[in-house]
Amino acid sequence: MPKIKKARVNVRVDMTPLVDVAFLLLTFFMMTTQFQPPETVKIEVPSSHSAFKLPESNVMTIYISKEGKILMGVDQPALMASLFGQAAKDQKEVEIKLADLPDLLIHARISNPKLRTVIKGDQDADYGVVEDVMTVLQKTQITRFAMITNQIIDKKKQ
């Protein structure tokens, strides 16, 4: 007796749930992403040979513009709101006066003792302003700080 073969049934995968999940993920990431706010002042940093890497969190940055303006920013929105008010919560930096700098530094260090201080000064900024900021840092017992510079790549080593 001959065997009767059954006809092969094609398997069809429904792609609708995959498209739904993809759009849900896309919507989720679009809604939860926080974009970096634009810088208040454009600062061109000087060059150096230092290979020291800056930390990614717990950073307090003091900006010095070409015109001699002093700005201060912290990478934590809650601390920014504590230092400068709720309006500054989403800002990257806030312009301050040199006379207010010691109190802000002390308040920031009390709020977060792990903060690392960084100075980002424009390459054309007056050195007197940078010196004044460094003096304030020393008076507030912040003796360890970093200065942001552009990395010079040695062509001899390549």
N, C-alpha and C. Protein backbone atom coordinates (compact mmCIF):
# COMPACT_ATOMS: atom_id res chain seq x y z
N MET A 1 0.80 -1.17 0.00
CA MET A 1 0.00 0.00 0.00
C MET A 1 0.86 1.25 0.00
N PRO A 2 0.57 2.11 -0.89
CA PRO A 2 1.36 3.36 -0.94
C PRO A 2 0.96 4.31 0.19
N LYS A 3 1.98 5.02 0.70
CA LYS A 3 1.72 6.02 1.75
C LYS A 3 1.28 7.33 1.13
N ILE A 4 0.34 7.96 1.78
CA ILE A 4 -0.16 9.24 1.28
C ILE A 4 0.56 10.35 2.03
N LYS A 5 1.22 11.19 1.28
CA LYS A 5 1.95 12.31 1.89
C LYS A 5 1.00 13.49 2.05
N LYS A 6 1.15 14.13 3.21
CA LYS A 6 0.35 15.31 3.45
C LYS A 6 1.03 16.52 2.81
N ALA A 7 0.24 17.42 2.34
CA ALA A 7 0.77 18.64 1.73
C ALA A 7 1.45 19.50 2.80
N ARG A 8 2.55 20.04 2.44
CA ARG A 8 3.32 20.85 3.38
C ARG A 8 2.64 22.21 3.58
N VAL A 9 2.50 22.63 4.85
CA VAL A 9 1.86 23.90 5.15
C VAL A 9 2.95 24.95 5.36
N ASN A 10 2.84 26.06 4.65
CA ASN A 10 3.83 27.14 4.81
C ASN A 10 3.63 27.84 6.15
N VAL A 11 4.74 28.14 6.82
CA VAL A 11 4.70 28.85 8.08
C VAL A 11 4.78 30.34 7.80
N ARG A 12 3.88 31.08 8.37
CA ARG A 12 3.85 32.53 8.16
C ARG A 12 3.99 33.21 9.52
N VAL A 13 5.02 34.07 9.67
CA VAL A 13 5.25 34.78 10.93
C VAL A 13 4.62 36.16 10.82
N ASP A 14 3.79 36.48 11.78
CA ASP A 14 3.14 37.78 11.80
C ASP A 14 4.10 38.82 12.39
N MET A 15 4.43 39.87 11.63
CA MET A 15 5.40 40.87 12.04
C MET A 15 4.77 42.06 12.76
N THR A 16 3.46 42.09 12.89
CA THR A 16 2.78 43.22 13.53
C THR A 16 3.23 43.43 14.98
N PRO A 17 3.32 42.41 15.83
CA PRO A 17 3.78 42.65 17.21
C PRO A 17 5.21 43.19 17.27
N LEU A 18 6.08 42.75 16.35
CA LEU A 18 7.45 43.25 16.33
C LEU A 18 7.48 44.74 16.01
N VAL A 19 6.68 45.18 15.08
CA VAL A 19 6.61 46.60 14.73
C VAL A 19 6.06 47.40 15.91
N ASP A 20 5.05 46.87 16.59
CA ASP A 20 4.49 47.55 17.76
C ASP A 20 5.54 47.72 18.85
N VAL A 21 6.29 46.68 19.14
CA VAL A 21 7.33 46.75 20.17
C VAL A 21 8.41 47.75 19.77
N ALA A 22 8.79 47.75 18.50
CA ALA A 22 9.83 48.68 18.04
C ALA A 22 9.38 50.13 18.23
N PHE A 23 8.14 50.44 17.87
CA PHE A 23 7.65 51.80 18.04
C PHE A 23 7.48 52.17 19.52
N LEU A 24 7.10 51.22 20.35
CA LEU A 24 7.00 51.49 21.78
C LEU A 24 8.38 51.81 22.37
N LEU A 25 9.40 51.04 21.97
CA LEU A 25 10.76 51.33 22.43
C LEU A 25 11.26 52.68 21.93
N LEU A 26 11.00 52.97 20.67
CA LEU A 26 11.41 54.25 20.11
C LEU A 26 10.74 55.41 20.85
N THR A 27 9.45 55.29 21.11
CA THR A 27 8.73 56.32 21.86
C THR A 27 9.27 56.46 23.27
N PHE A 28 9.55 55.34 23.93
CA PHE A 28 10.08 55.38 25.29
C PHE A 28 11.40 56.13 25.34
N PHE A 29 12.33 55.80 24.44
CA PHE A 29 13.63 56.46 24.46
C PHE A 29 13.54 57.93 24.08
N MET A 30 12.63 58.27 23.19
CA MET A 30 12.47 59.68 22.83
C MET A 30 11.92 60.49 24.00
N MET A 31 11.02 59.91 24.77
CA MET A 31 10.41 60.63 25.88
C MET A 31 11.32 60.74 27.10
N THR A 32 12.21 59.78 27.29
CA THR A 32 13.03 59.78 28.51
C THR A 32 14.42 60.38 28.32
N THR A 33 14.83 60.65 27.11
CA THR A 33 16.16 61.20 26.85
C THR A 33 16.21 62.66 27.24
N GLN A 34 17.28 63.04 27.94
CA GLN A 34 17.50 64.44 28.28
C GLN A 34 18.64 64.95 27.41
N PHE A 35 18.39 66.00 26.67
CA PHE A 35 19.41 66.55 25.81
C PHE A 35 20.26 67.55 26.59
N GLN A 36 21.53 67.63 26.23
CA GLN A 36 22.43 68.55 26.92
C GLN A 36 22.08 69.98 26.50
N PRO A 37 21.87 70.87 27.48
CA PRO A 37 21.54 72.25 27.12
C PRO A 37 22.75 72.94 26.48
N PRO A 38 22.51 73.91 25.62
CA PRO A 38 23.64 74.60 24.97
C PRO A 38 24.43 75.41 26.00
N GLU A 39 25.72 75.58 25.72
CA GLU A 39 26.58 76.34 26.63
C GLU A 39 26.18 77.81 26.60
N THR A 40 26.21 78.45 27.77
CA THR A 40 25.87 79.85 27.87
C THR A 40 26.94 80.71 27.21
N VAL A 41 28.19 80.34 27.43
CA VAL A 41 29.32 81.08 26.89
C VAL A 41 30.23 80.12 26.14
N LYS A 42 30.65 80.49 24.96
CA LYS A 42 31.58 79.67 24.17
C LYS A 42 32.99 79.87 24.73
N ILE A 43 33.62 78.78 25.17
CA ILE A 43 34.94 78.85 25.77
C ILE A 43 35.90 77.97 24.96
N GLU A 44 36.99 78.59 24.48
CA GLU A 44 38.03 77.86 23.77
C GLU A 44 39.15 77.60 24.75
N VAL A 45 39.41 76.34 25.04
CA VAL A 45 40.40 76.00 26.05
C VAL A 45 41.80 75.94 25.44
N PRO A 46 42.83 76.25 26.25
CA PRO A 46 44.20 76.17 25.75
C PRO A 46 44.64 74.72 25.57
N SER A 47 45.79 74.53 24.95
CA SER A 47 46.30 73.19 24.68
C SER A 47 47.36 72.80 25.69
N SER A 48 47.52 71.49 25.91
CA SER A 48 48.56 70.98 26.80
C SER A 48 48.88 69.54 26.43
N HIS A 49 49.88 68.98 27.09
CA HIS A 49 50.30 67.60 26.85
C HIS A 49 49.75 66.66 27.91
N SER A 50 48.93 67.14 28.83
CA SER A 50 48.43 66.32 29.93
C SER A 50 47.51 65.22 29.41
N ALA A 51 47.66 64.04 29.97
CA ALA A 51 46.81 62.92 29.57
C ALA A 51 45.83 62.56 30.69
N PHE A 52 45.64 63.43 31.66
CA PHE A 52 44.75 63.19 32.79
C PHE A 52 43.29 63.23 32.32
N LYS A 53 42.53 62.19 32.65
CA LYS A 53 41.13 62.11 32.25
C LYS A 53 40.25 62.69 33.36
N LEU A 54 39.25 63.47 32.96
CA LEU A 54 38.32 64.04 33.92
C LEU A 54 37.27 63.01 34.30
N PRO A 55 36.80 63.05 35.55
CA PRO A 55 35.72 62.13 35.94
C PRO A 55 34.41 62.50 35.23
N GLU A 56 33.52 61.54 35.14
CA GLU A 56 32.26 61.76 34.45
C GLU A 56 31.14 62.21 35.39
N SER A 57 31.29 61.98 36.68
CA SER A 57 30.24 62.38 37.63
C SER A 57 30.88 63.07 38.83
N ASN A 58 30.04 63.74 39.61
CA ASN A 58 30.49 64.50 40.78
C ASN A 58 31.53 65.55 40.39
N VAL A 59 31.19 66.35 39.38
CA VAL A 59 32.10 67.38 38.89
C VAL A 59 31.47 68.76 39.08
N MET A 60 32.25 69.67 39.68
CA MET A 60 31.87 71.07 39.81
C MET A 60 32.81 71.86 38.90
N THR A 61 32.26 72.54 37.90
CA THR A 61 33.07 73.23 36.91
C THR A 61 32.92 74.74 37.08
N ILE A 62 34.07 75.42 37.07
CA ILE A 62 34.10 76.88 37.10
C ILE A 62 34.58 77.33 35.73
N TYR A 63 33.74 78.07 35.01
CA TYR A 63 34.06 78.54 33.67
C TYR A 63 34.54 79.99 33.75
N ILE A 64 35.55 80.32 32.94
CA ILE A 64 36.03 81.69 32.85
C ILE A 64 36.02 82.05 31.37
N SER A 65 35.21 83.04 31.01
CA SER A 65 35.05 83.41 29.60
C SER A 65 36.15 84.37 29.16
N LYS A 66 36.19 84.62 27.87
CA LYS A 66 37.17 85.53 27.29
C LYS A 66 37.02 86.94 27.86
N GLU A 67 35.79 87.32 28.17
CA GLU A 67 35.51 88.67 28.71
C GLU A 67 35.77 88.77 30.20
N GLY A 68 36.11 87.66 30.85
CA GLY A 68 36.38 87.67 32.29
C GLY A 68 35.17 87.31 33.14
N LYS A 69 34.08 86.86 32.52
CA LYS A 69 32.91 86.44 33.28
C LYS A 69 33.21 85.10 33.95
N ILE A 70 32.66 84.92 35.14
CA ILE A 70 32.83 83.67 35.88
C ILE A 70 31.48 82.97 35.93
N LEU A 71 31.47 81.71 35.52
CA LEU A 71 30.26 80.90 35.55
C LEU A 71 30.56 79.64 36.34
N MET A 72 29.54 79.08 36.98
CA MET A 72 29.73 77.88 37.77
C MET A 72 28.63 76.90 37.44
N GLY A 73 28.99 75.62 37.38
CA GLY A 73 28.01 74.59 37.10
C GLY A 73 28.36 73.29 37.80
N VAL A 74 27.33 72.51 38.10
CA VAL A 74 27.50 71.21 38.74
C VAL A 74 26.74 70.21 37.87
N ASP A 75 27.22 68.98 37.78
CA ASP A 75 26.60 68.00 36.90
C ASP A 75 25.33 67.37 37.48
N GLN A 76 24.94 67.74 38.68
CA GLN A 76 23.74 67.18 39.30
C GLN A 76 22.64 68.25 39.36
N PRO A 77 21.49 68.00 38.70
CA PRO A 77 20.42 69.00 38.67
C PRO A 77 19.90 69.38 40.06
N ALA A 78 19.83 68.43 40.99
CA ALA A 78 19.33 68.74 42.33
C ALA A 78 20.27 69.71 43.05
N LEU A 79 21.56 69.53 42.89
CA LEU A 79 22.53 70.43 43.51
C LEU A 79 22.51 71.79 42.83
N MET A 80 22.32 71.82 41.50
CA MET A 80 22.18 73.11 40.80
C MET A 80 20.99 73.88 41.35
N ALA A 81 19.88 73.18 41.58
CA ALA A 81 18.68 73.83 42.12
C ALA A 81 18.94 74.31 43.54
N SER A 82 19.70 73.56 44.32
CA SER A 82 20.03 73.95 45.69
C SER A 82 20.93 75.19 45.72
N LEU A 83 21.86 75.26 44.78
CA LEU A 83 22.80 76.39 44.76
C LEU A 83 22.20 77.66 44.17
N PHE A 84 21.48 77.51 43.05
CA PHE A 84 21.05 78.68 42.29
C PHE A 84 19.55 78.85 42.17
N GLY A 85 18.75 77.95 42.75
CA GLY A 85 17.31 78.05 42.65
C GLY A 85 16.76 77.11 41.59
N GLN A 86 15.45 76.90 41.62
CA GLN A 86 14.79 75.96 40.71
C GLN A 86 14.93 76.36 39.24
N ALA A 87 15.07 77.66 38.97
CA ALA A 87 15.19 78.10 37.57
C ALA A 87 16.47 77.58 36.93
N ALA A 88 17.50 77.32 37.72
CA ALA A 88 18.79 76.88 37.20
C ALA A 88 18.93 75.36 37.19
N LYS A 89 17.88 74.65 37.53
CA LYS A 89 17.96 73.19 37.65
C LYS A 89 18.40 72.52 36.36
N ASP A 90 17.91 72.99 35.22
CA ASP A 90 18.21 72.37 33.93
C ASP A 90 19.33 73.07 33.17
N GLN A 91 19.95 74.07 33.77
CA GLN A 91 21.04 74.77 33.10
C GLN A 91 22.37 74.08 33.36
N LYS A 92 23.29 74.28 32.46
CA LYS A 92 24.61 73.68 32.60
C LYS A 92 25.50 74.53 33.50
N GLU A 93 25.38 75.86 33.39
CA GLU A 93 26.16 76.77 34.22
C GLU A 93 25.38 78.05 34.44
N VAL A 94 25.77 78.79 35.51
CA VAL A 94 25.11 80.03 35.86
C VAL A 94 26.20 81.07 36.11
N GLU A 95 25.98 82.29 35.60
CA GLU A 95 26.96 83.35 35.81
C GLU A 95 26.92 83.81 37.27
N ILE A 96 28.10 83.96 37.87
CA ILE A 96 28.20 84.38 39.26
C ILE A 96 29.23 85.50 39.38
N LYS A 97 29.26 86.13 40.55
CA LYS A 97 30.28 87.14 40.84
C LYS A 97 31.39 86.50 41.66
N LEU A 98 32.57 87.07 41.56
CA LEU A 98 33.72 86.54 42.29
C LEU A 98 33.47 86.57 43.80
N ALA A 99 32.75 87.58 44.28
CA ALA A 99 32.47 87.70 45.71
C ALA A 99 31.55 86.57 46.21
N ASP A 100 30.69 86.05 45.33
CA ASP A 100 29.77 84.98 45.72
C ASP A 100 30.40 83.59 45.62
N LEU A 101 31.53 83.49 44.95
CA LEU A 101 32.16 82.19 44.69
C LEU A 101 32.50 81.41 45.96
N PRO A 102 33.11 82.03 47.00
CA PRO A 102 33.46 81.23 48.19
C PRO A 102 32.25 80.56 48.85
N ASP A 103 31.16 81.30 49.00
CA ASP A 103 29.96 80.74 49.64
C ASP A 103 29.38 79.60 48.81
N LEU A 104 29.36 79.77 47.49
CA LEU A 104 28.83 78.72 46.62
C LEU A 104 29.71 77.48 46.66
N LEU A 105 31.03 77.66 46.70
CA LEU A 105 31.94 76.52 46.77
C LEU A 105 31.74 75.75 48.07
N ILE A 106 31.65 76.46 49.17
CA ILE A 106 31.47 75.81 50.47
C ILE A 106 30.13 75.07 50.51
N HIS A 107 29.06 75.72 50.03
CA HIS A 107 27.74 75.09 50.03
C HIS A 107 27.73 73.83 49.16
N ALA A 108 28.39 73.91 48.00
CA ALA A 108 28.43 72.75 47.11
C ALA A 108 29.22 71.61 47.73
N ARG A 109 30.34 71.92 48.38
CA ARG A 109 31.16 70.87 48.98
C ARG A 109 30.48 70.25 50.20
N ILE A 110 29.71 71.04 50.95
CA ILE A 110 28.97 70.48 52.08
C ILE A 110 27.85 69.57 51.57
N SER A 111 27.18 69.98 50.48
CA SER A 111 26.10 69.18 49.92
C SER A 111 26.60 67.87 49.34
N ASN A 112 27.78 67.90 48.71
CA ASN A 112 28.35 66.69 48.12
C ASN A 112 29.86 66.72 48.33
N PRO A 113 30.37 66.05 49.36
CA PRO A 113 31.81 66.06 49.63
C PRO A 113 32.66 65.38 48.55
N LYS A 114 32.03 64.59 47.68
CA LYS A 114 32.77 63.89 46.63
C LYS A 114 33.01 64.75 45.39
N LEU A 115 32.52 65.99 45.40
CA LEU A 115 32.67 66.85 44.22
C LEU A 115 34.14 67.10 43.91
N ARG A 116 34.45 67.01 42.63
CA ARG A 116 35.80 67.35 42.17
C ARG A 116 35.71 68.66 41.42
N THR A 117 36.63 69.55 41.69
CA THR A 117 36.59 70.89 41.13
C THR A 117 37.42 70.95 39.84
N VAL A 118 36.84 71.59 38.83
CA VAL A 118 37.49 71.73 37.53
C VAL A 118 37.36 73.18 37.08
N ILE A 119 38.44 73.74 36.54
CA ILE A 119 38.41 75.09 35.98
C ILE A 119 38.52 74.97 34.47
N LYS A 120 37.57 75.59 33.78
CA LYS A 120 37.59 75.61 32.32
C LYS A 120 37.66 77.07 31.90
N GLY A 121 38.87 77.51 31.57
CA GLY A 121 39.07 78.91 31.20
C GLY A 121 39.38 79.05 29.73
N ASP A 122 38.91 80.14 29.15
CA ASP A 122 39.18 80.43 27.75
C ASP A 122 40.67 80.73 27.58
N GLN A 123 41.22 80.36 26.43
CA GLN A 123 42.65 80.57 26.21
C GLN A 123 43.00 82.05 26.11
N ASP A 124 42.03 82.91 25.79
CA ASP A 124 42.27 84.34 25.69
C ASP A 124 41.82 85.10 26.93
N ALA A 125 41.41 84.39 27.98
CA ALA A 125 40.95 85.04 29.21
C ALA A 125 42.12 85.70 29.93
N ASP A 126 41.82 86.78 30.65
CA ASP A 126 42.83 87.49 31.43
C ASP A 126 43.29 86.59 32.57
N TYR A 127 44.59 86.45 32.73
CA TYR A 127 45.11 85.56 33.77
C TYR A 127 44.76 86.05 35.17
N GLY A 128 44.54 87.34 35.33
CA GLY A 128 44.19 87.88 36.65
C GLY A 128 42.90 87.27 37.20
N VAL A 129 41.92 87.05 36.34
CA VAL A 129 40.66 86.44 36.76
C VAL A 129 40.90 84.99 37.17
N VAL A 130 41.71 84.27 36.40
CA VAL A 130 42.03 82.88 36.72
C VAL A 130 42.76 82.82 38.06
N GLU A 131 43.68 83.75 38.27
CA GLU A 131 44.42 83.79 39.53
C GLU A 131 43.49 84.08 40.71
N ASP A 132 42.53 84.99 40.51
CA ASP A 132 41.56 85.29 41.56
C ASP A 132 40.73 84.06 41.92
N VAL A 133 40.30 83.31 40.91
CA VAL A 133 39.52 82.10 41.15
C VAL A 133 40.36 81.07 41.90
N MET A 134 41.61 80.91 41.50
CA MET A 134 42.49 79.95 42.18
C MET A 134 42.75 80.38 43.63
N THR A 135 42.84 81.67 43.90
CA THR A 135 43.02 82.17 45.26
C THR A 135 41.78 81.85 46.11
N VAL A 136 40.60 82.04 45.53
CA VAL A 136 39.36 81.71 46.25
C VAL A 136 39.31 80.22 46.55
N LEU A 137 39.73 79.39 45.60
CA LEU A 137 39.75 77.95 45.83
C LEU A 137 40.68 77.60 47.00
N GLN A 138 41.83 78.21 47.06
CA GLN A 138 42.77 77.95 48.15
C GLN A 138 42.21 78.42 49.49
N LYS A 139 41.54 79.56 49.51
CA LYS A 139 40.97 80.09 50.76
C LYS A 139 39.83 79.21 51.28
N THR A 140 39.14 78.52 50.37
CA THR A 140 38.05 77.63 50.79
C THR A 140 38.54 76.20 50.97
N GLN A 141 39.83 76.01 51.07
CA GLN A 141 40.45 74.70 51.33
C GLN A 141 40.26 73.70 50.20
N ILE A 142 40.09 74.19 48.98
CA ILE A 142 40.04 73.31 47.82
C ILE A 142 41.39 73.45 47.13
N THR A 143 42.29 72.55 47.50
CA THR A 143 43.65 72.65 46.97
C THR A 143 43.88 71.72 45.79
N ARG A 144 42.97 70.80 45.55
CA ARG A 144 43.10 69.89 44.40
C ARG A 144 42.01 70.22 43.40
N PHE A 145 42.43 70.67 42.24
CA PHE A 145 41.50 70.96 41.15
C PHE A 145 42.21 70.71 39.84
N ALA A 146 41.43 70.54 38.79
CA ALA A 146 41.98 70.29 37.46
C ALA A 146 41.64 71.46 36.55
N MET A 147 42.45 71.64 35.53
CA MET A 147 42.17 72.66 34.51
C MET A 147 41.96 71.94 33.18
N ILE A 148 40.87 72.26 32.52
CA ILE A 148 40.54 71.61 31.26
C ILE A 148 41.34 72.25 30.13
N THR A 149 41.97 71.40 29.34
CA THR A 149 42.74 71.86 28.18
C THR A 149 42.48 70.92 27.01
N ASN A 150 42.86 71.35 25.82
CA ASN A 150 42.81 70.47 24.65
C ASN A 150 44.09 69.65 24.62
N GLN A 151 43.97 68.42 24.22
CA GLN A 151 45.13 67.52 24.15
C GLN A 151 45.92 67.81 22.88
N ILE A 152 47.22 68.08 23.04
CA ILE A 152 48.11 68.23 21.88
C ILE A 152 48.61 66.84 21.53
N ILE A 153 48.45 66.46 20.27
CA ILE A 153 48.93 65.14 19.84
C ILE A 153 50.32 65.31 19.26
N ASP A 154 51.27 64.59 19.83
CA ASP A 154 52.65 64.64 19.37
C ASP A 154 52.76 63.87 18.06
N LYS A 155 53.17 64.52 17.01
CA LYS A 155 53.29 63.85 15.71
C LYS A 155 54.50 62.93 15.67
N LYS A 156 55.48 63.15 16.54
CA LYS A 156 56.68 62.32 16.59
C LYS A 156 56.34 60.92 17.10
N LYS A 157 55.37 60.82 18.01
CA LYS A 157 55.01 59.53 18.62
C LYS A 157 54.14 58.70 17.70
N GLN A 158 53.53 59.29 16.69
CA GLN A 158 52.63 58.53 15.82
C GLN A 158 53.35 57.83 14.71
